[in-house]
């Protein structure tokens, strides 16, 4: 493999088992892909937030349990 071959690697989208060269896709398709990436990032952020809320809730439950036992 030559240096030129290494530099000619193109970004590929694999979707529903098919491969598409990104630079060959329309701008509309690229915008949809970008929107999907943003949606994925937001889902991850909200999943992390839910985990933190769950940890906080469990901590409050444990605090309540301890306070009731000490009462």
N, C-alpha and C. Protein backbone atom coordinates (compact mmCIF):
# COMPACT_ATOMS: atom_id res chain seq x y z
N UNK A 1 0.84 -1.17 0.00
CA UNK A 1 0.00 0.00 0.00
C UNK A 1 0.89 1.24 0.00
N UNK A 2 0.63 2.15 -0.89
CA UNK A 2 1.45 3.36 -0.98
C UNK A 2 0.90 4.43 -0.04
N UNK A 3 1.71 5.48 0.15
CA UNK A 3 1.28 6.59 0.99
C UNK A 3 0.02 7.23 0.42
N UNK A 4 -0.06 7.32 -0.90
CA UNK A 4 -1.24 7.90 -1.55
C UNK A 4 -2.47 7.06 -1.21
N UNK A 5 -2.35 5.72 -1.22
CA UNK A 5 -3.48 4.85 -0.88
C UNK A 5 -3.96 5.11 0.53
N UNK A 6 -3.04 5.34 1.45
CA UNK A 6 -3.42 5.60 2.85
C UNK A 6 -4.17 6.92 2.97
N UNK A 7 -3.77 7.91 2.19
CA UNK A 7 -4.41 9.22 2.25
C UNK A 7 -5.76 9.24 1.52
N UNK A 8 -6.01 8.27 0.68
CA UNK A 8 -7.25 8.24 -0.10
C UNK A 8 -8.39 7.54 0.63
N UNK A 9 -8.21 7.18 1.89
CA UNK A 9 -9.29 6.54 2.64
C UNK A 9 -10.44 7.52 2.76
N UNK A 10 -11.63 7.04 2.46
CA UNK A 10 -12.80 7.91 2.49
C UNK A 10 -13.72 7.47 3.63
N UNK A 11 -14.40 8.45 4.22
CA UNK A 11 -15.36 8.16 5.28
C UNK A 11 -16.52 7.37 4.67
N UNK A 12 -16.91 6.32 5.40
CA UNK A 12 -17.97 5.44 4.92
C UNK A 12 -19.07 5.36 5.96
N UNK A 13 -20.31 5.47 5.51
CA UNK A 13 -21.48 5.27 6.36
C UNK A 13 -21.99 3.86 6.11
N UNK A 14 -22.15 3.10 7.17
CA UNK A 14 -22.78 1.79 7.05
C UNK A 14 -24.16 1.90 7.67
N UNK A 15 -25.18 1.63 6.87
CA UNK A 15 -26.57 1.78 7.31
C UNK A 15 -27.39 0.66 6.70
N UNK A 16 -28.11 -0.05 7.57
CA UNK A 16 -28.93 -1.19 7.13
C UNK A 16 -28.13 -2.18 6.30
N UNK A 17 -26.88 -2.41 6.71
CA UNK A 17 -26.04 -3.40 6.06
C UNK A 17 -25.42 -2.95 4.75
N UNK A 18 -25.65 -1.71 4.36
CA UNK A 18 -25.07 -1.19 3.12
C UNK A 18 -24.04 -0.12 3.47
N UNK A 19 -23.04 0.03 2.60
CA UNK A 19 -21.99 1.02 2.80
C UNK A 19 -22.15 2.14 1.78
N UNK A 20 -21.98 3.37 2.28
CA UNK A 20 -22.10 4.55 1.44
C UNK A 20 -20.88 5.44 1.68
N UNK A 21 -20.29 5.95 0.62
CA UNK A 21 -19.17 6.88 0.75
C UNK A 21 -19.77 8.25 1.08
N UNK A 22 -19.33 8.80 2.21
CA UNK A 22 -19.92 10.04 2.72
C UNK A 22 -19.86 11.19 1.72
N UNK A 23 -18.74 11.35 1.06
CA UNK A 23 -18.61 12.50 0.15
C UNK A 23 -19.53 12.40 -1.06
N UNK A 24 -20.06 11.19 -1.31
CA UNK A 24 -20.98 11.01 -2.44
C UNK A 24 -22.44 11.30 -2.06
N UNK A 25 -22.70 11.48 -0.77
CA UNK A 25 -24.07 11.69 -0.31
C UNK A 25 -24.48 13.15 -0.48
N UNK A 26 -25.78 13.36 -0.65
CA UNK A 26 -26.28 14.73 -0.81
C UNK A 26 -26.15 15.50 0.50
N UNK A 27 -26.20 16.81 0.40
CA UNK A 27 -26.13 17.66 1.59
C UNK A 27 -27.30 17.38 2.53
N UNK A 28 -28.46 17.11 1.95
CA UNK A 28 -29.64 16.79 2.77
C UNK A 28 -29.39 15.55 3.62
N UNK A 29 -28.81 14.53 3.03
CA UNK A 29 -28.51 13.30 3.77
C UNK A 29 -27.46 13.57 4.83
N UNK A 30 -26.46 14.35 4.49
CA UNK A 30 -25.42 14.69 5.47
C UNK A 30 -26.01 15.45 6.65
N UNK A 31 -26.97 16.32 6.41
CA UNK A 31 -27.63 17.06 7.50
C UNK A 31 -28.43 16.11 8.39
N UNK A 32 -29.09 15.14 7.79
CA UNK A 32 -29.83 14.15 8.57
C UNK A 32 -28.88 13.35 9.45
N UNK A 33 -27.75 12.96 8.89
CA UNK A 33 -26.74 12.22 9.66
C UNK A 33 -26.24 13.07 10.82
N UNK A 34 -25.97 14.36 10.55
CA UNK A 34 -25.51 15.27 11.61
C UNK A 34 -26.58 15.39 12.70
N UNK A 35 -27.84 15.47 12.31
CA UNK A 35 -28.93 15.56 13.29
C UNK A 35 -29.02 14.29 14.12
N UNK A 36 -28.79 13.14 13.50
CA UNK A 36 -28.79 11.87 14.24
C UNK A 36 -27.65 11.83 15.25
N UNK A 37 -26.50 12.35 14.86
CA UNK A 37 -25.36 12.39 15.79
C UNK A 37 -25.66 13.28 16.98
N UNK A 38 -26.30 14.42 16.73
CA UNK A 38 -26.67 15.33 17.82
C UNK A 38 -27.70 14.65 18.73
N UNK A 39 -28.68 13.98 18.13
CA UNK A 39 -29.69 13.28 18.93
C UNK A 39 -29.05 12.21 19.80
N UNK A 40 -28.09 11.47 19.25
CA UNK A 40 -27.39 10.44 20.03
C UNK A 40 -26.64 11.07 21.20
N UNK A 41 -25.98 12.19 20.96
CA UNK A 41 -25.24 12.86 22.03
C UNK A 41 -26.18 13.35 23.12
N UNK A 42 -27.33 13.89 22.72
CA UNK A 42 -28.30 14.37 23.71
C UNK A 42 -28.90 13.21 24.50
N UNK A 43 -29.18 12.11 23.84
CA UNK A 43 -29.68 10.92 24.55
C UNK A 43 -28.68 10.45 25.59
N UNK A 44 -27.41 10.41 25.23
CA UNK A 44 -26.37 10.00 26.16
C UNK A 44 -26.31 10.94 27.35
N UNK A 45 -26.39 12.24 27.08
CA UNK A 45 -26.35 13.23 28.15
C UNK A 45 -27.53 13.03 29.10
N UNK A 46 -28.71 12.81 28.57
CA UNK A 46 -29.89 12.64 29.41
C UNK A 46 -29.86 11.31 30.16
N UNK A 47 -29.31 10.29 29.55
CA UNK A 47 -29.14 9.01 30.26
C UNK A 47 -28.22 9.19 31.45
N UNK A 48 -27.13 9.95 31.25
CA UNK A 48 -26.21 10.22 32.36
C UNK A 48 -26.89 11.04 33.45
N UNK A 49 -27.72 12.01 33.05
CA UNK A 49 -28.46 12.81 34.02
C UNK A 49 -29.41 11.92 34.83
N UNK A 50 -30.09 11.01 34.16
CA UNK A 50 -31.00 10.09 34.87
C UNK A 50 -30.24 9.21 35.86
N UNK A 51 -29.05 8.78 35.50
CA UNK A 51 -28.24 7.99 36.42
C UNK A 51 -27.90 8.80 37.67
N UNK A 52 -27.51 10.06 37.46
CA UNK A 52 -27.17 10.92 38.59
C UNK A 52 -28.39 11.18 39.48
N UNK A 53 -29.55 11.39 38.87
CA UNK A 53 -30.78 11.59 39.64
C UNK A 53 -31.12 10.35 40.45
N UNK A 54 -30.93 9.20 39.86
CA UNK A 54 -31.20 7.93 40.54
C UNK A 54 -30.28 7.75 41.75
N UNK A 55 -29.01 8.09 41.57
CA UNK A 55 -28.05 8.01 42.68
C UNK A 55 -28.47 8.96 43.79
N UNK A 56 -28.84 10.19 43.43
CA UNK A 56 -29.29 11.16 44.42
C UNK A 56 -30.54 10.70 45.15
N UNK A 57 -31.48 10.14 44.41
CA UNK A 57 -32.72 9.63 45.02
C UNK A 57 -32.41 8.53 46.01
N UNK A 58 -31.56 7.60 45.60
CA UNK A 58 -31.19 6.49 46.49
C UNK A 58 -30.51 7.01 47.75
N UNK A 59 -29.70 8.03 47.61
CA UNK A 59 -29.04 8.63 48.77
C UNK A 59 -30.06 9.24 49.72
N UNK A 60 -31.05 9.95 49.17
CA UNK A 60 -32.10 10.53 50.00
C UNK A 60 -32.93 9.46 50.70
N UNK A 61 -33.22 8.37 50.00
CA UNK A 61 -33.96 7.26 50.61
C UNK A 61 -33.17 6.69 51.78
N UNK A 62 -31.87 6.50 51.57
CA UNK A 62 -31.02 5.97 52.64
C UNK A 62 -30.95 6.94 53.83
N UNK A 63 -30.88 8.24 53.54
CA UNK A 63 -30.88 9.24 54.61
C UNK A 63 -32.19 9.20 55.39
N UNK A 64 -33.31 9.11 54.68
CA UNK A 64 -34.61 9.03 55.33
C UNK A 64 -34.71 7.79 56.19
N UNK A 65 -34.28 6.66 55.65
CA UNK A 65 -34.32 5.40 56.40
C UNK A 65 -33.52 5.52 57.70
N UNK A 66 -32.32 6.08 57.61
CA UNK A 66 -31.48 6.23 58.79
C UNK A 66 -32.11 7.18 59.80
N UNK A 67 -32.65 8.31 59.34
CA UNK A 67 -33.28 9.27 60.24
C UNK A 67 -34.50 8.67 60.94
N UNK A 68 -35.29 7.88 60.21
CA UNK A 68 -36.47 7.25 60.80
C UNK A 68 -36.07 6.19 61.84
N UNK A 69 -35.00 5.46 61.55
CA UNK A 69 -34.53 4.46 62.50
C UNK A 69 -33.99 5.12 63.78
N UNK A 70 -33.36 6.28 63.64
CA UNK A 70 -32.79 6.99 64.79
C UNK A 70 -33.85 7.75 65.59
N UNK A 71 -35.03 7.93 64.99
CA UNK A 71 -36.08 8.72 65.62
C UNK A 71 -36.73 8.01 66.76
